[in-house]
C-alpha atoms as a PDB file:
ATOM      1  CA  MET A   1       0.430  20.052 138.279  1.00  0.00           C
ATOM      2  CA  LEU A   2       0.066  16.332 137.698  1.00  0.00           C
ATOM      3  CA  VAL A   3       1.159  15.020 134.259  1.00  0.00           C
ATOM      4  CA  ARG A   4       0.355  11.581 133.251  1.00  0.00           C
ATOM      5  CA  TYR A   5       3.524   9.290 132.631  1.00  0.00           C
ATOM      6  CA  ARG A   6       4.627   8.879 129.242  1.00  0.00           C
ATOM      7  CA  LYS A   7       7.630   6.641 127.965  1.00  0.00           C
ATOM      8  CA  ASN A   8       9.731   9.637 127.128  1.00  0.00           C
ATOM      9  CA  TYR A   9       9.622  10.606 130.838  1.00  0.00           C
ATOM     10  CA  GLU A  10      11.045   7.202 131.822  1.00  0.00           C
ATOM     11  CA  LYS A  11      14.537   8.445 133.038  1.00  0.00           C
ATOM     12  CA  ILE A  12      12.975  11.227 135.185  1.00  0.00           C
ATOM     13  CA  ALA A  13      10.532   8.851 136.617  1.00  0.00           C
ATOM     14  CA  MET A  14      13.046   6.305 137.452  1.00  0.00           C
ATOM     15  CA  GLY A  15      15.139   8.956 139.045  1.00  0.00           C
ATOM     16  CA  LEU A  16      12.298  10.159 141.095  1.00  0.00           C
ATOM     17  CA  LEU A  17      11.222   6.582 142.034  1.00  0.00           C
ATOM     18  CA  SER A  18      14.594   5.805 142.974  1.00  0.00           C
ATOM     19  CA  PHE A  19      14.260   8.113 146.208  1.00  0.00           C
ATOM     20  CA  MET A  20      11.720   5.433 147.564  1.00  0.00           C
ATOM     21  CA  PRO A  21      13.194   3.190 150.090  1.00  0.00           C
ATOM     22  CA  ASN A  22      12.036   0.029 148.097  1.00  0.00           C
ATOM     23  CA  GLU A  23      13.042   1.064 144.875  1.00  0.00           C
ATOM     24  CA  LYS A  24      16.884   1.336 145.368  1.00  0.00           C
ATOM     25  CA  ASP A  25      17.575  -1.608 143.612  1.00  0.00           C
ATOM     26  CA  LEU A  26      18.033  -1.330 139.719  1.00  0.00           C
ATOM     27  CA  LYS A  27      16.251  -4.600 139.095  1.00  0.00           C
ATOM     28  CA  GLN A  28      13.213  -3.826 141.408  1.00  0.00           C
ATOM     29  CA  LEU A  29      13.020  -0.229 139.839  1.00  0.00           C
ATOM     30  CA  GLN A  30      12.880  -1.809 136.338  1.00  0.00           C
ATOM     31  CA  GLN A  31      10.094  -4.092 137.404  1.00  0.00           C
ATOM     32  CA  THR A  32       8.008  -1.251 139.071  1.00  0.00           C
ATOM     33  CA  MET A  33       8.565   0.827 135.648  1.00  0.00           C
ATOM     34  CA  LYS A  34       7.423  -2.169 133.813  1.00  0.00           C
ATOM     35  CA  ASN A  35       4.282  -2.515 135.935  1.00  0.00           C
ATOM     36  CA  TYR A  36       3.286   0.977 135.367  1.00  0.00           C
ATOM     37  CA  GLU A  37       3.850   0.708 131.614  1.00  0.00           C
ATOM     38  CA  THR A  38       2.118  -2.618 131.068  1.00  0.00           C
ATOM     39  CA  ASN A  39      -0.779  -2.722 133.623  1.00  0.00           C
ATOM     40  CA  ASP A  40      -3.853  -0.567 132.955  1.00  0.00           C
ATOM     41  CA  ASP A  41      -4.781  -0.411 136.675  1.00  0.00           C
ATOM     42  CA  TRP A  42      -1.203   1.045 137.481  1.00  0.00           C
ATOM     43  CA  GLN A  43      -1.030   4.761 136.710  1.00  0.00           C
ATOM     44  CA  LEU A  44       1.897   7.053 137.222  1.00  0.00           C
ATOM     45  CA  PHE A  45       1.828  10.711 137.426  1.00  0.00           C
ATOM     46  CA  LEU A  46       4.674  13.250 137.620  1.00  0.00           C
ATOM     47  CA  TRP A  47       4.386  16.617 139.329  1.00  0.00           C
ATOM     48  CA  LYS A  48       5.425  19.451 137.035  1.00  0.00           C
ATOM     49  CA  GLN A  49       6.413  22.968 138.686  1.00  0.00           C
ATOM     50  CA  ASP A  50       7.556  25.667 136.330  1.00  0.00           C
ATOM     51  CA  GLU A  51       9.502  23.538 133.650  1.00  0.00           C
ATOM     52  CA  ASP A  52      10.777  20.980 135.889  1.00  0.00           C
ATOM     53  CA  PHE A  53       9.301  17.449 137.019  1.00  0.00           C
ATOM     54  CA  ILE A  54       9.979  17.530 140.856  1.00  0.00           C
ATOM     55  CA  GLY A  55       7.579  14.808 142.127  1.00  0.00           C
ATOM     56  CA  ILE A  56       6.044  11.490 141.265  1.00  0.00           C
ATOM     57  CA  ILE A  57       3.033   9.521 142.416  1.00  0.00           C
ATOM     58  CA  GLY A  58       1.919   6.317 141.463  1.00  0.00           C
ATOM     59  CA  VAL A  59      -1.237   4.297 142.174  1.00  0.00           C
ATOM     60  CA  ILE A  60      -3.347   1.262 141.452  1.00  0.00           C
ATOM     61  CA  VAL A  61      -6.713   2.182 140.450  1.00  0.00           C
ATOM     62  CA  ARG A  62      -9.302  -0.308 142.046  1.00  0.00           C
ATOM     63  CA  GLU A  63     -13.014  -0.628 141.691  1.00  0.00           C
ATOM     64  CA  HIS A  64     -13.847   1.757 144.747  1.00  0.00           C
ATOM     65  CA  ALA A  65     -10.383   3.168 145.658  1.00  0.00           C
ATOM     66  CA  VAL A  66      -6.973   4.357 144.591  1.00  0.00           C
ATOM     67  CA  GLU A  67      -4.108   2.910 146.340  1.00  0.00           C
ATOM     68  CA  VAL A  68      -1.032   5.065 146.476  1.00  0.00           C
ATOM     69  CA  GLN A  69       2.068   2.824 145.845  1.00  0.00           C
ATOM     70  CA  HIS A  70       4.757   5.379 145.386  1.00  0.00           C
ATOM     71  CA  ILE A  71       5.146   9.014 146.292  1.00  0.00           C
ATOM     72  CA  SER A  72       8.483  10.869 146.141  1.00  0.00           C
ATOM     73  CA  VAL A  73       9.632  14.445 145.781  1.00  0.00           C
ATOM     74  CA  ASN A  74      13.148  15.663 144.704  1.00  0.00           C
ATOM     75  CA  PRO A  75      15.085  16.103 147.910  1.00  0.00           C
ATOM     76  CA  SER A  76      15.798  19.706 146.913  1.00  0.00           C
ATOM     77  CA  HIS A  77      12.106  20.339 146.910  1.00  0.00           C
ATOM     78  CA  ARG A  78      10.918  18.586 149.947  1.00  0.00           C
ATOM     79  CA  HIS A  79       9.301  20.279 153.041  1.00  0.00           C
ATOM     80  CA  GLN A  80       7.422  22.780 150.612  1.00  0.00           C
ATOM     81  CA  GLY A  81       3.995  20.933 150.539  1.00  0.00           C
ATOM     82  CA  ILE A  82       4.718  19.251 147.132  1.00  0.00           C
ATOM     83  CA  GLY A  83       3.613  15.897 148.238  1.00  0.00           C
ATOM     84  CA  LYS A  84       0.430  17.134 149.851  1.00  0.00           C
ATOM     85  CA  GLN A  85      -0.362  19.043 146.612  1.00  0.00           C
ATOM     86  CA  MET A  86       0.090  15.737 144.648  1.00  0.00           C
ATOM     87  CA  VAL A  87      -2.164  14.058 147.007  1.00  0.00           C
ATOM     88  CA  LYS A  88      -4.826  16.574 146.703  1.00  0.00           C
ATOM     89  CA  ALA A  89      -4.438  16.695 142.835  1.00  0.00           C
ATOM     90  CA  LEU A  90      -4.893  12.851 142.963  1.00  0.00           C
ATOM     91  CA  LYS A  91      -8.177  13.177 144.969  1.00  0.00           C
ATOM     92  CA  GLU A  92      -9.451  15.677 142.395  1.00  0.00           C
ATOM     93  CA  LEU A  93      -8.747  13.326 139.604  1.00  0.00           C
ATOM     94  CA  TYR A  94     -10.435  10.495 141.168  1.00  0.00           C
ATOM     95  CA  PRO A  95     -13.396  12.238 143.076  1.00  0.00           C
ATOM     96  CA  ASN A  96     -15.539   9.174 143.235  1.00  0.00           C
ATOM     97  CA  LYS A  97     -12.843   6.897 144.895  1.00  0.00           C
ATOM     98  CA  SER A  98     -11.443   6.812 148.223  1.00  0.00           C
ATOM     99  CA  LEU A  99      -7.628   7.073 148.572  1.00  0.00           C
ATOM    100  CA  CYS A 100      -5.684   4.403 150.511  1.00  0.00           C
ATOM    101  CA  ALA A 101      -2.023   3.580 151.094  1.00  0.00           C
ATOM    102  CA  ASN A 102       0.193   0.672 151.275  1.00  0.00           C
ATOM    103  CA  ASP A 103       2.786   0.040 154.111  1.00  0.00           C
ATOM    104  CA  THR A 104       5.308   2.232 152.564  1.00  0.00           C
ATOM    105  CA  THR A 105       2.984   5.300 151.797  1.00  0.00           C
ATOM    106  CA  ALA A 106       0.695   4.972 154.762  1.00  0.00           C
ATOM    107  CA  PRO A 107       2.800   7.226 157.022  1.00  0.00           C
ATOM    108  CA  PHE A 108       2.936  10.101 154.547  1.00  0.00           C
ATOM    109  CA  LEU A 109      -0.871   9.830 153.933  1.00  0.00           C
ATOM    110  CA  ASP A 110      -1.671   9.766 157.373  1.00  0.00           C
ATOM    111  CA  LYS A 111       0.360  13.068 157.723  1.00  0.00           C
ATOM    112  CA  CYS A 112      -1.473  14.529 154.850  1.00  0.00           C
ATOM    113  CA  GLU A 113      -4.852  13.944 156.439  1.00  0.00           C
ATOM    114  CA  GLN A 114      -3.805  15.870 159.560  1.00  0.00           C
END
C-alpha cells in the first residue's frame, strides 16, 4: 500500500531512491529529497508490504497530470509486480489526472501499460 512520505522515513526513502540511476550522487540525492520536502507539487510515496517499505514512487502533481519522477523497488523484491502495483495505486489516488513520465521513468511506465 502507498504511504505518504514523512520526515522520519527519510533514510528509507533515500536508500530506495539511491537505486535510481540519476540519484547515485549523494548531493543530487539530497537535493531531490529537499525538493520533495519543500515543494508542495512534489509528492513522495513509499510502498509498504507487510511491515517493510520496499518501494518508492515520486511525482510532480500538475494541473491535469501527475508526472512520475522516480520509481524504485528494493532489488530483492523486483520482478514481483511491485512497481506496477505502485503505478496502479497512484492512478487510484489521482483518478482525475493523467499519468505521464519523464525520460527516466518512461520505459517503465510504457511497460506497465502493456
